[in-house]
Amino acid sequence: MSYKAINMENYIVKEGLEVLIPKYFKGKDNFIEEAFRAILRSNPGLRVNVAIDLYLKEKISLAKAAELAGVTTIEFKDILAERGIKRVIEGKKIGDIDRKIEEVFG
């Protein structure tokens, strides 16, 4: 693709967005959200990757990550294992458990 063709394509995209966004969307952010949703719906692999990244950053739980990926929790655990990713185990810290035991039995 030539430099001129790339510039024309960029120009068309920019001008198209300036027409499209005010006419059909509440603003640029709304357009970006809708575009993102459309991309995730049309690309299951990307949806899984986004779910994994959000899960690893502890932005969403395992169950929410599985839901976003479009699979069951068990299937999502399998996907993580296949990719060599260790799951984040949620639980109370040992010190918290020891304090609770002391409160109840101490």
PDB file of N, CA and C in Angstrom:
ATOM      1  N   MET A   1       0.860  -1.170   0.000  1.00  0.00           N
ATOM      2  CA  MET A   1       0.000   0.000   0.000  1.00  0.00           C
ATOM      3  C   MET A   1       0.906   1.233   0.000  1.00  0.00           C
ATOM      4  N   SER A   2       0.618   2.158  -0.840  1.00  0.00           N
ATOM      5  CA  SER A   2       1.460   3.353  -0.966  1.00  0.00           C
ATOM      6  C   SER A   2       1.169   4.350   0.152  1.00  0.00           C
ATOM      7  N   TYR A   3       2.104   5.261   0.324  1.00  0.00           N
ATOM      8  CA  TYR A   3       1.960   6.316   1.327  1.00  0.00           C
ATOM      9  C   TYR A   3       0.714   7.140   1.052  1.00  0.00           C
ATOM     10  N   LYS A   4       0.470   7.438  -0.225  1.00  0.00           N
ATOM     11  CA  LYS A   4      -0.694   8.235  -0.620  1.00  0.00           C
ATOM     12  C   LYS A   4      -1.990   7.497  -0.266  1.00  0.00           C
ATOM     13  N   ALA A   5      -2.032   6.179  -0.504  1.00  0.00           N
ATOM     14  CA  ALA A   5      -3.222   5.382  -0.188  1.00  0.00           C
ATOM     15  C   ALA A   5      -3.464   5.344   1.320  1.00  0.00           C
ATOM     16  N   ILE A   6      -2.375   5.242   2.096  1.00  0.00           N
ATOM     17  CA  ILE A   6      -2.509   5.221   3.556  1.00  0.00           C
ATOM     18  C   ILE A   6      -3.046   6.555   4.039  1.00  0.00           C
ATOM     19  N   ASN A   7      -2.508   7.647   3.512  1.00  0.00           N
ATOM     20  CA  ASN A   7      -2.994   8.967   3.908  1.00  0.00           C
ATOM     21  C   ASN A   7      -4.458   9.155   3.549  1.00  0.00           C
ATOM     22  N   MET A   8      -4.867   8.676   2.369  1.00  0.00           N
ATOM     23  CA  MET A   8      -6.267   8.792   1.953  1.00  0.00           C
ATOM     24  C   MET A   8      -7.152   7.967   2.877  1.00  0.00           C
ATOM     25  N   GLU A   9      -6.700   6.764   3.221  1.00  0.00           N
ATOM     26  CA  GLU A   9      -7.470   5.907   4.126  1.00  0.00           C
ATOM     27  C   GLU A   9      -7.608   6.571   5.490  1.00  0.00           C
ATOM     28  N   ASN A  10      -6.519   7.128   6.012  1.00  0.00           N
ATOM     29  CA  ASN A  10      -6.576   7.834   7.296  1.00  0.00           C
ATOM     30  C   ASN A  10      -7.526   9.023   7.233  1.00  0.00           C
ATOM     31  N   TYR A  11      -7.484   9.743   6.130  1.00  0.00           N
ATOM     32  CA  TYR A  11      -8.356  10.902   5.939  1.00  0.00           C
ATOM     33  C   TYR A  11      -9.827  10.471   5.938  1.00  0.00           C
ATOM     34  N   ILE A  12     -10.112   9.402   5.212  1.00  0.00           N
ATOM     35  CA  ILE A  12     -11.494   8.911   5.123  1.00  0.00           C
ATOM     36  C   ILE A  12     -11.986   8.456   6.500  1.00  0.00           C
ATOM     37  N   VAL A  13     -11.137   7.756   7.224  1.00  0.00           N
ATOM     38  CA  VAL A  13     -11.515   7.295   8.564  1.00  0.00           C
ATOM     39  C   VAL A  13     -11.790   8.497   9.466  1.00  0.00           C
ATOM     40  N   LYS A  14     -10.889   9.464   9.473  1.00  0.00           N
ATOM     41  CA  LYS A  14     -11.050  10.640  10.328  1.00  0.00           C
ATOM     42  C   LYS A  14     -12.319  11.402   9.981  1.00  0.00           C
ATOM     43  N   GLU A  15     -12.528  11.669   8.711  1.00  0.00           N
ATOM     44  CA  GLU A  15     -13.717  12.408   8.283  1.00  0.00           C
ATOM     45  C   GLU A  15     -14.987  11.604   8.543  1.00  0.00           C
ATOM     46  N   GLY A  16     -14.909  10.297   8.314  1.00  0.00           N
ATOM     47  CA  GLY A  16     -16.058   9.434   8.561  1.00  0.00           C
ATOM     48  C   GLY A  16     -16.470   9.445  10.015  1.00  0.00           C
ATOM     49  N   LEU A  17     -15.484   9.405  10.905  1.00  0.00           N
ATOM     50  CA  LEU A  17     -15.774   9.443  12.338  1.00  0.00           C
ATOM     51  C   LEU A  17     -16.400  10.767  12.741  1.00  0.00           C
ATOM     52  N   GLU A  18     -15.939  11.852  12.139  1.00  0.00           N
ATOM     53  CA  GLU A  18     -16.499  13.166  12.466  1.00  0.00           C
ATOM     54  C   GLU A  18     -17.959  13.273  12.050  1.00  0.00           C
ATOM     55  N   VAL A  19     -18.342  12.530  11.029  1.00  0.00           N
ATOM     56  CA  VAL A  19     -19.744  12.510  10.589  1.00  0.00           C
ATOM     57  C   VAL A  19     -20.537  11.498  11.419  1.00  0.00           C
ATOM     58  N   LEU A  20     -19.958  10.342  11.625  1.00  0.00           N
ATOM     59  CA  LEU A  20     -20.634   9.219  12.268  1.00  0.00           C
ATOM     60  C   LEU A  20     -20.926   9.452  13.748  1.00  0.00           C
ATOM     61  N   ILE A  21     -19.928   9.895  14.493  1.00  0.00           N
ATOM     62  CA  ILE A  21     -20.070   9.992  15.947  1.00  0.00           C
ATOM     63  C   ILE A  21     -21.199  10.929  16.369  1.00  0.00           C
ATOM     64  N   PRO A  22     -21.236  12.179  15.905  1.00  0.00           N
ATOM     65  CA  PRO A  22     -22.314  13.053  16.384  1.00  0.00           C
ATOM     66  C   PRO A  22     -23.701  12.612  15.937  1.00  0.00           C
ATOM     67  N   LYS A  23     -23.757  11.919  14.820  1.00  0.00           N
ATOM     68  CA  LYS A  23     -25.051  11.526  14.265  1.00  0.00           C
ATOM     69  C   LYS A  23     -25.631  10.283  14.954  1.00  0.00           C
ATOM     70  N   TYR A  24     -24.771   9.340  15.319  1.00  0.00           N
ATOM     71  CA  TYR A  24     -25.266   8.050  15.813  1.00  0.00           C
ATOM     72  C   TYR A  24     -24.849   7.693  17.240  1.00  0.00           C
ATOM     73  N   PHE A  25     -23.951   8.463  17.836  1.00  0.00           N
ATOM     74  CA  PHE A  25     -23.452   8.129  19.170  1.00  0.00           C
ATOM     75  C   PHE A  25     -23.516   9.351  20.071  1.00  0.00           C
ATOM     76  N   LYS A  26     -23.462   9.097  21.383  1.00  0.00           N
ATOM     77  CA  LYS A  26     -23.541  10.185  22.369  1.00  0.00           C
ATOM     78  C   LYS A  26     -22.220  10.933  22.498  1.00  0.00           C
ATOM     79  N   GLY A  27     -21.187  10.429  21.886  1.00  0.00           N
ATOM     80  CA  GLY A  27     -19.875  11.059  21.940  1.00  0.00           C
ATOM     81  C   GLY A  27     -18.805  10.056  21.586  1.00  0.00           C
ATOM     82  N   LYS A  28     -17.555  10.521  21.590  1.00  0.00           N
ATOM     83  CA  LYS A  28     -16.429   9.674  21.219  1.00  0.00           C
ATOM     84  C   LYS A  28     -16.289   8.474  22.158  1.00  0.00           C
ATOM     85  N   ASP A  29     -16.455   8.713  23.467  1.00  0.00           N
ATOM     86  CA  ASP A  29     -16.331   7.613  24.430  1.00  0.00           C
ATOM     87  C   ASP A  29     -17.382   6.538  24.185  1.00  0.00           C
ATOM     88  N   ASN A  30     -18.613   6.950  23.895  1.00  0.00           N
ATOM     89  CA  ASN A  30     -19.691   6.007  23.599  1.00  0.00           C
ATOM     90  C   ASN A  30     -19.378   5.202  22.344  1.00  0.00           C
ATOM     91  N   PHE A  31     -18.843   5.868  21.330  1.00  0.00           N
ATOM     92  CA  PHE A  31     -18.453   5.183  20.097  1.00  0.00           C
ATOM     93  C   PHE A  31     -17.374   4.143  20.381  1.00  0.00           C
ATOM     94  N   ILE A  32     -16.362   4.534  21.168  1.00  0.00           N
ATOM     95  CA  ILE A  32     -15.262   3.611  21.479  1.00  0.00           C
ATOM     96  C   ILE A  32     -15.773   2.399  22.253  1.00  0.00           C
ATOM     97  N   GLU A  33     -16.667   2.615  23.207  1.00  0.00           N
ATOM     98  CA  GLU A  33     -17.244   1.497  23.966  1.00  0.00           C
ATOM     99  C   GLU A  33     -18.004   0.543  23.046  1.00  0.00           C
ATOM    100  N   GLU A  34     -18.819   1.093  22.162  1.00  0.00           N
ATOM    101  CA  GLU A  34     -19.583   0.253  21.227  1.00  0.00           C
ATOM    102  C   GLU A  34     -18.659  -0.504  20.279  1.00  0.00           C
ATOM    103  N   ALA A  35     -17.620   0.171  19.793  1.00  0.00           N
ATOM    104  CA  ALA A  35     -16.655  -0.476  18.891  1.00  0.00           C
ATOM    105  C   ALA A  35     -15.937  -1.608  19.619  1.00  0.00           C
ATOM    106  N   PHE A  36     -15.575  -1.369  20.868  1.00  0.00           N
ATOM    107  CA  PHE A  36     -14.896  -2.383  21.669  1.00  0.00           C
ATOM    108  C   PHE A  36     -15.793  -3.601  21.864  1.00  0.00           C
ATOM    109  N   ARG A  37     -17.060  -3.351  22.190  1.00  0.00           N
ATOM    110  CA  ARG A  37     -18.012  -4.465  22.360  1.00  0.00           C
ATOM    111  C   ARG A  37     -18.155  -5.264  21.057  1.00  0.00           C
ATOM    112  N   ALA A  38     -18.238  -4.571  19.944  1.00  0.00           N
ATOM    113  CA  ALA A  38     -18.382  -5.250  18.644  1.00  0.00           C
ATOM    114  C   ALA A  38     -17.152  -6.106  18.341  1.00  0.00           C
ATOM    115  N   ILE A  39     -15.985  -5.584  18.638  1.00  0.00           N
ATOM    116  CA  ILE A  39     -14.751  -6.344  18.405  1.00  0.00           C
ATOM    117  C   ILE A  39     -14.733  -7.595  19.275  1.00  0.00           C
ATOM    118  N   LEU A  40     -15.097  -7.447  20.554  1.00  0.00           N
ATOM    119  CA  LEU A  40     -15.102  -8.612  21.445  1.00  0.00           C
ATOM    120  C   LEU A  40     -16.125  -9.653  21.009  1.00  0.00           C
ATOM    121  N   ARG A  41     -17.305  -9.194  20.544  1.00  0.00           N
ATOM    122  CA  ARG A  41     -18.329 -10.146  20.071  1.00  0.00           C
ATOM    123  C   ARG A  41     -17.857 -10.915  18.844  1.00  0.00           C
ATOM    124  N   SER A  42     -17.113 -10.259  17.977  1.00  0.00           N
ATOM    125  CA  SER A  42     -16.725 -10.887  16.719  1.00  0.00           C
ATOM    126  C   SER A  42     -15.421 -11.670  16.806  1.00  0.00           C
ATOM    127  N   ASN A  43     -14.709 -11.562  17.932  1.00  0.00           N
ATOM    128  CA  ASN A  43     -13.419 -12.229  18.046  1.00  0.00           C
ATOM    129  C   ASN A  43     -13.301 -12.933  19.395  1.00  0.00           C
ATOM    130  N   PRO A  44     -13.771 -14.186  19.474  1.00  0.00           N
ATOM    131  CA  PRO A  44     -13.755 -14.916  20.748  1.00  0.00           C
ATOM    132  C   PRO A  44     -12.355 -15.064  21.349  1.00  0.00           C
ATOM    133  N   GLY A  45     -11.339 -15.228  20.511  1.00  0.00           N
ATOM    134  CA  GLY A  45      -9.972 -15.361  21.017  1.00  0.00           C
ATOM    135  C   GLY A  45      -9.511 -14.105  21.732  1.00  0.00           C
ATOM    136  N   LEU A  46      -9.840 -12.969  21.165  1.00  0.00           N
ATOM    137  CA  LEU A  46      -9.500 -11.701  21.784  1.00  0.00           C
ATOM    138  C   LEU A  46     -10.257 -11.529  23.101  1.00  0.00           C
ATOM    139  N   ARG A  47     -11.518 -11.963  23.109  1.00  0.00           N
ATOM    140  CA  ARG A  47     -12.336 -11.888  24.325  1.00  0.00           C
ATOM    141  C   ARG A  47     -11.700 -12.704  25.451  1.00  0.00           C
ATOM    142  N   VAL A  48     -11.187 -13.873  25.119  1.00  0.00           N
ATOM    143  CA  VAL A  48     -10.516 -14.714  26.111  1.00  0.00           C
ATOM    144  C   VAL A  48      -9.250 -14.021  26.613  1.00  0.00           C
ATOM    145  N   ASN A  49      -8.480 -13.441  25.695  1.00  0.00           N
ATOM    146  CA  ASN A  49      -7.244 -12.767  26.094  1.00  0.00           C
ATOM    147  C   ASN A  49      -7.518 -11.571  27.011  1.00  0.00           C
ATOM    148  N   VAL A  50      -8.543 -10.802  26.701  1.00  0.00           N
ATOM    149  CA  VAL A  50      -8.904  -9.663  27.548  1.00  0.00           C
ATOM    150  C   VAL A  50      -9.335 -10.172  28.926  1.00  0.00           C
ATOM    151  N   ALA A  51     -10.120 -11.236  28.954  1.00  0.00           N
ATOM    152  CA  ALA A  51     -10.569 -11.812  30.226  1.00  0.00           C
ATOM    153  C   ALA A  51      -9.376 -12.265  31.065  1.00  0.00           C
ATOM    154  N   ILE A  52      -8.413 -12.912  30.435  1.00  0.00           N
ATOM    155  CA  ILE A  52      -7.218 -13.372  31.153  1.00  0.00           C
ATOM    156  C   ILE A  52      -6.440 -12.179  31.703  1.00  0.00           C
ATOM    157  N   ASP A  53      -6.234 -11.177  30.873  1.00  0.00           N
ATOM    158  CA  ASP A  53      -5.478 -10.001  31.326  1.00  0.00           C
ATOM    159  C   ASP A  53      -6.160  -9.311  32.504  1.00  0.00           C
ATOM    160  N   LEU A  54      -7.466  -9.131  32.419  1.00  0.00           N
ATOM    161  CA  LEU A  54      -8.188  -8.486  33.515  1.00  0.00           C
ATOM    162  C   LEU A  54      -8.146  -9.334  34.785  1.00  0.00           C
ATOM    163  N   TYR A  55      -8.241 -10.644  34.620  1.00  0.00           N
ATOM    164  CA  TYR A  55      -8.162 -11.551  35.759  1.00  0.00           C
ATOM    165  C   TYR A  55      -6.778 -11.483  36.408  1.00  0.00           C
ATOM    166  N   LEU A  56      -5.724 -11.513  35.590  1.00  0.00           N
ATOM    167  CA  LEU A  56      -4.365 -11.480  36.129  1.00  0.00           C
ATOM    168  C   LEU A  56      -4.051 -10.152  36.814  1.00  0.00           C
ATOM    169  N   LYS A  57      -4.675  -9.083  36.362  1.00  0.00           N
ATOM    170  CA  LYS A  57      -4.486  -7.775  36.994  1.00  0.00           C
ATOM    171  C   LYS A  57      -5.400  -7.606  38.206  1.00  0.00           C
ATOM    172  N   GLU A  58      -6.167  -8.673  38.509  1.00  0.00           N
ATOM    173  CA  GLU A  58      -7.106  -8.705  39.633  1.00  0.00           C
ATOM    174  C   GLU A  58      -8.163  -7.612  39.532  1.00  0.00           C
ATOM    175  N   LYS A  59      -8.560  -7.303  38.283  1.00  0.00           N
ATOM    176  CA  LYS A  59      -9.636  -6.336  38.038  1.00  0.00           C
ATOM    177  C   LYS A  59     -10.995  -7.021  38.090  1.00  0.00           C
ATOM    178  N   ILE A  60     -11.010  -8.328  37.769  1.00  0.00           N
ATOM    179  CA  ILE A  60     -12.238  -9.112  37.811  1.00  0.00           C
ATOM    180  C   ILE A  60     -11.949 -10.478  38.420  1.00  0.00           C
ATOM    181  N   SER A  61     -12.991 -11.093  38.948  1.00  0.00           N
ATOM    182  CA  SER A  61     -12.860 -12.416  39.569  1.00  0.00           C
ATOM    183  C   SER A  61     -12.749 -13.492  38.492  1.00  0.00           C
ATOM    184  N   LEU A  62     -12.426 -14.683  38.932  1.00  0.00           N
ATOM    185  CA  LEU A  62     -12.358 -15.828  38.022  1.00  0.00           C
ATOM    186  C   LEU A  62     -13.709 -16.043  37.345  1.00  0.00           C
ATOM    187  N   ALA A  63     -14.782 -15.969  38.121  1.00  0.00           N
ATOM    188  CA  ALA A  63     -16.127 -16.187  37.563  1.00  0.00           C
ATOM    189  C   ALA A  63     -16.468 -15.120  36.519  1.00  0.00           C
ATOM    190  N   LYS A  64     -16.139 -13.850  36.804  1.00  0.00           N
ATOM    191  CA  LYS A  64     -16.406 -12.767  35.842  1.00  0.00           C
ATOM    192  C   LYS A  64     -15.546 -12.925  34.605  1.00  0.00           C
ATOM    193  N   ALA A  65     -14.300 -13.356  34.789  1.00  0.00           N
ATOM    194  CA  ALA A  65     -13.407 -13.576  33.650  1.00  0.00           C
ATOM    195  C   ALA A  65     -13.960 -14.677  32.744  1.00  0.00           C
ATOM    196  N   ALA A  66     -14.447 -15.743  33.359  1.00  0.00           N
ATOM    197  CA  ALA A  66     -15.041 -16.830  32.580  1.00  0.00           C
ATOM    198  C   ALA A  66     -16.256 -16.335  31.812  1.00  0.00           C
ATOM    199  N   GLU A  67     -17.080 -15.536  32.480  1.00  0.00           N
ATOM    200  CA  GLU A  67     -18.272 -14.975  31.834  1.00  0.00           C
ATOM    201  C   GLU A  67     -17.873 -14.104  30.640  1.00  0.00           C
ATOM    202  N   LEU A  68     -16.882 -13.241  30.830  1.00  0.00           N
ATOM    203  CA  LEU A  68     -16.414 -12.389  29.742  1.00  0.00           C
ATOM    204  C   LEU A  68     -15.857 -13.220  28.596  1.00  0.00           C
ATOM    205  N   ALA A  69     -15.142 -14.285  28.926  1.00  0.00           N
ATOM    206  CA  ALA A  69     -14.559 -15.155  27.906  1.00  0.00           C
ATOM    207  C   ALA A  69     -15.623 -15.988  27.190  1.00  0.00           C
ATOM    208  N   GLY A  70     -16.809 -16.077  27.787  1.00  0.00           N
ATOM    209  CA  GLY A  70     -17.882 -16.854  27.163  1.00  0.00           C
ATOM    210  C   GLY A  70     -17.771 -18.346  27.409  1.00  0.00           C
ATOM    211  N   VAL A  71     -17.143 -18.701  28.536  1.00  0.00           N
ATOM    212  CA  VAL A  71     -16.969 -20.112  28.891  1.00  0.00           C
ATOM    213  C   VAL A  71     -17.381 -20.315  30.345  1.00  0.00           C
ATOM    214  N   THR A  72     -17.459 -21.568  30.762  1.00  0.00           N
ATOM    215  CA  THR A  72     -17.746 -21.868  32.161  1.00  0.00           C
ATOM    216  C   THR A  72     -16.502 -21.606  32.996  1.00  0.00           C
ATOM    217  N   THR A  73     -16.682 -21.547  34.298  1.00  0.00           N
ATOM    218  CA  THR A  73     -15.548 -21.345  35.201  1.00  0.00           C
ATOM    219  C   THR A  73     -14.540 -22.480  35.059  1.00  0.00           C
ATOM    220  N   ILE A  74     -15.030 -23.702  34.957  1.00  0.00           N
ATOM    221  CA  ILE A  74     -14.144 -24.862  34.798  1.00  0.00           C
ATOM    222  C   ILE A  74     -13.365 -24.757  33.492  1.00  0.00           C
ATOM    223  N   GLU A  75     -14.043 -24.372  32.406  1.00  0.00           N
ATOM    224  CA  GLU A  75     -13.353 -24.214  31.118  1.00  0.00           C
ATOM    225  C   GLU A  75     -12.303 -23.110  31.193  1.00  0.00           C
ATOM    226  N   PHE A  76     -12.629 -22.027  31.911  1.00  0.00           N
ATOM    227  CA  PHE A  76     -11.670 -20.932  32.040  1.00  0.00           C
ATOM    228  C   PHE A  76     -10.446 -21.390  32.836  1.00  0.00           C
ATOM    229  N   LYS A  77     -10.663 -22.175  33.879  1.00  0.00           N
ATOM    230  CA  LYS A  77      -9.541 -22.724  34.641  1.00  0.00           C
ATOM    231  C   LYS A  77      -8.660 -23.582  33.732  1.00  0.00           C
ATOM    232  N   ASP A  78      -9.296 -24.361  32.859  1.00  0.00           N
ATOM    233  CA  ASP A  78      -8.547 -25.195  31.908  1.00  0.00           C
ATOM    234  C   ASP A  78      -7.742 -24.336  30.937  1.00  0.00           C
ATOM    235  N   ILE A  79      -8.332 -23.242  30.465  1.00  0.00           N
ATOM    236  CA  ILE A  79      -7.628 -22.334  29.551  1.00  0.00           C
ATOM    237  C   ILE A  79      -6.392 -21.771  30.244  1.00  0.00           C
ATOM    238  N   LEU A  80      -6.562 -21.351  31.496  1.00  0.00           N
ATOM    239  CA  LEU A  80      -5.420 -20.823  32.252  1.00  0.00           C
ATOM    240  C   LEU A  80      -4.333 -21.886  32.387  1.00  0.00           C
ATOM    241  N   ALA A  81      -4.726 -23.096  32.721  1.00  0.00           N
ATOM    242  CA  ALA A  81      -3.758 -24.189  32.888  1.00  0.00           C
ATOM    243  C   ALA A  81      -3.042 -24.488  31.570  1.00  0.00           C
ATOM    244  N   GLU A  82      -3.784 -24.517  30.466  1.00  0.00           N
ATOM    245  CA  GLU A  82      -3.182 -24.779  29.147  1.00  0.00           C
ATOM    246  C   GLU A  82      -2.131 -23.734  28.789  1.00  0.00           C
ATOM    247  N   ARG A  83      -2.327 -22.526  29.260  1.00  0.00           N
ATOM    248  CA  ARG A  83      -1.390 -21.429  28.969  1.00  0.00           C
ATOM    249  C   ARG A  83      -0.309 -21.298  30.033  1.00  0.00           C
ATOM    250  N   GLY A  84      -0.333 -22.211  31.001  1.00  0.00           N
ATOM    251  CA  GLY A  84       0.684 -22.193  32.052  1.00  0.00           C
ATOM    252  C   GLY A  84       0.509 -21.066  33.052  1.00  0.00           C
ATOM    253  N   ILE A  85      -0.724 -20.591  33.194  1.00  0.00           N
ATOM    254  CA  ILE A  85      -1.004 -19.480  34.104  1.00  0.00           C
ATOM    255  C   ILE A  85      -1.541 -20.046  35.407  1.00  0.00           C
ATOM    256  N   LYS A  86      -0.894 -19.676  36.491  1.00  0.00           N
ATOM    257  CA  LYS A  86      -1.363 -20.117  37.807  1.00  0.00           C
ATOM    258  C   LYS A  86      -2.490 -19.208  38.249  1.00  0.00           C
ATOM    259  N   ARG A  87      -3.514 -19.827  38.805  1.00  0.00           N
ATOM    260  CA  ARG A  87      -4.670 -19.057  39.254  1.00  0.00           C
ATOM    261  C   ARG A  87      -4.360 -18.283  40.524  1.00  0.00           C
ATOM    262  N   VAL A  88      -5.043 -17.158  40.659  1.00  0.00           N
ATOM    263  CA  VAL A  88      -4.960 -16.374  41.875  1.00  0.00           C
ATOM    264  C   VAL A  88      -5.952 -16.996  42.847  1.00  0.00           C
ATOM    265  N   ILE A  89      -5.448 -17.506  43.934  1.00  0.00           N
ATOM    266  CA  ILE A  89      -6.308 -18.142  44.925  1.00  0.00           C
ATOM    267  C   ILE A  89      -6.732 -17.088  45.937  1.00  0.00           C
ATOM    268  N   GLU A  90      -8.015 -16.897  45.998  1.00  0.00           N
ATOM    269  CA  GLU A  90      -8.546 -15.903  46.923  1.00  0.00           C
ATOM    270  C   GLU A  90      -8.803 -16.568  48.267  1.00  0.00           C
ATOM    271  N   GLY A  91      -8.419 -15.915  49.293  1.00  0.00           N
ATOM    272  CA  GLY A  91      -8.643 -16.457  50.618  1.00  0.00           C
ATOM    273  C   GLY A  91      -8.110 -15.497  51.671  1.00  0.00           C
ATOM    274  N   LYS A  92      -8.412 -15.811  52.882  1.00  0.00           N
ATOM    275  CA  LYS A  92      -7.968 -14.962  53.975  1.00  0.00           C
ATOM    276  C   LYS A  92      -6.507 -15.256  54.296  1.00  0.00           C
ATOM    277  N   LYS A  93      -5.840 -14.244  54.809  1.00  0.00           N
ATOM    278  CA  LYS A  93      -4.448 -14.388  55.201  1.00  0.00           C
ATOM    279  C   LYS A  93      -4.374 -15.189  56.495  1.00  0.00           C
ATOM    280  N   ILE A  94      -3.261 -15.889  56.664  1.00  0.00           N
ATOM    281  CA  ILE A  94      -3.061 -16.751  57.834  1.00  0.00           C
ATOM    282  C   ILE A  94      -3.243 -15.951  59.130  1.00  0.00           C
ATOM    283  N   GLY A  95      -2.704 -14.755  59.184  1.00  0.00           N
ATOM    284  CA  GLY A  95      -2.825 -13.928  60.387  1.00  0.00           C
ATOM    285  C   GLY A  95      -4.272 -13.641  60.725  1.00  0.00           C
ATOM    286  N   ASP A  96      -5.090 -13.360  59.702  1.00  0.00           N
ATOM    287  CA  ASP A  96      -6.514 -13.096  59.922  1.00  0.00           C
ATOM    288  C   ASP A  96      -7.218 -14.336  60.466  1.00  0.00           C
ATOM    289  N   ILE A  97      -6.870 -15.483  59.913  1.00  0.00           N
ATOM    290  CA  ILE A  97      -7.477 -16.744  60.373  1.00  0.00           C
ATOM    291  C   ILE A  97      -7.074 -17.018  61.824  1.00  0.00           C
ATOM    292  N   ASP A  98      -5.787 -16.831  62.132  1.00  0.00           N
ATOM    293  CA  ASP A  98      -5.307 -17.058  63.517  1.00  0.00           C
ATOM    294  C   ASP A  98      -6.032 -16.129  64.501  1.00  0.00           C
ATOM    295  N   ARG A  99      -6.223 -14.849  64.150  1.00  0.00           N
ATOM    296  CA  ARG A  99      -6.922 -13.925  65.018  1.00  0.00           C
ATOM    297  C   ARG A  99      -8.370 -14.361  65.237  1.00  0.00           C
ATOM    298  N   LYS A 100      -9.008 -14.828  64.192  1.00  0.00           N
ATOM    299  CA  LYS A 100     -10.400 -15.274  64.302  1.00  0.00           C
ATOM    300  C   LYS A 100     -10.491 -16.493  65.221  1.00  0.00           C
ATOM    301  N   ILE A 101      -9.573 -17.423  65.060  1.00  0.00           N
ATOM    302  CA  ILE A 101      -9.555 -18.612  65.921  1.00  0.00           C
ATOM    303  C   ILE A 101      -9.364 -18.195  67.379  1.00  0.00           C
ATOM    304  N   GLU A 102      -8.460 -17.251  67.609  1.00  0.00           N
ATOM    305  CA  GLU A 102      -8.217 -16.750  68.963  1.00  0.00           C
ATOM    306  C   GLU A 102      -9.469 -16.102  69.549  1.00  0.00           C
ATOM    307  N   GLU A 103     -10.194 -15.329  68.713  1.00  0.00           N
ATOM    308  CA  GLU A 103     -11.425 -14.680  69.172  1.00  0.00           C
ATOM    309  C   GLU A 103     -12.473 -15.731  69.571  1.00  0.00           C
ATOM    310  N   VAL A 104     -12.611 -16.756  68.759  1.00  0.00           N
ATOM    311  CA  VAL A 104     -13.653 -17.752  68.994  1.00  0.00           C
ATOM    312  C   VAL A 104     -13.286 -18.700  70.123  1.00  0.00           C
ATOM    313  N   PHE A 105     -12.048 -19.168  70.144  1.00  0.00           N
ATOM    314  CA  PHE A 105     -11.680 -20.186  71.108  1.00  0.00           C
ATOM    315  C   PHE A 105     -10.794 -19.695  72.243  1.00  0.00           C
ATOM    316  N   GLY A 106     -10.275 -18.489  72.110  1.00  0.00           N
ATOM    317  CA  GLY A 106      -9.297 -17.987  73.092  1.00  0.00           C
ATOM    318  C   GLY A 106      -9.904 -17.427  74.280  1.00  0.00           C
TER     319      GLY A 106
END
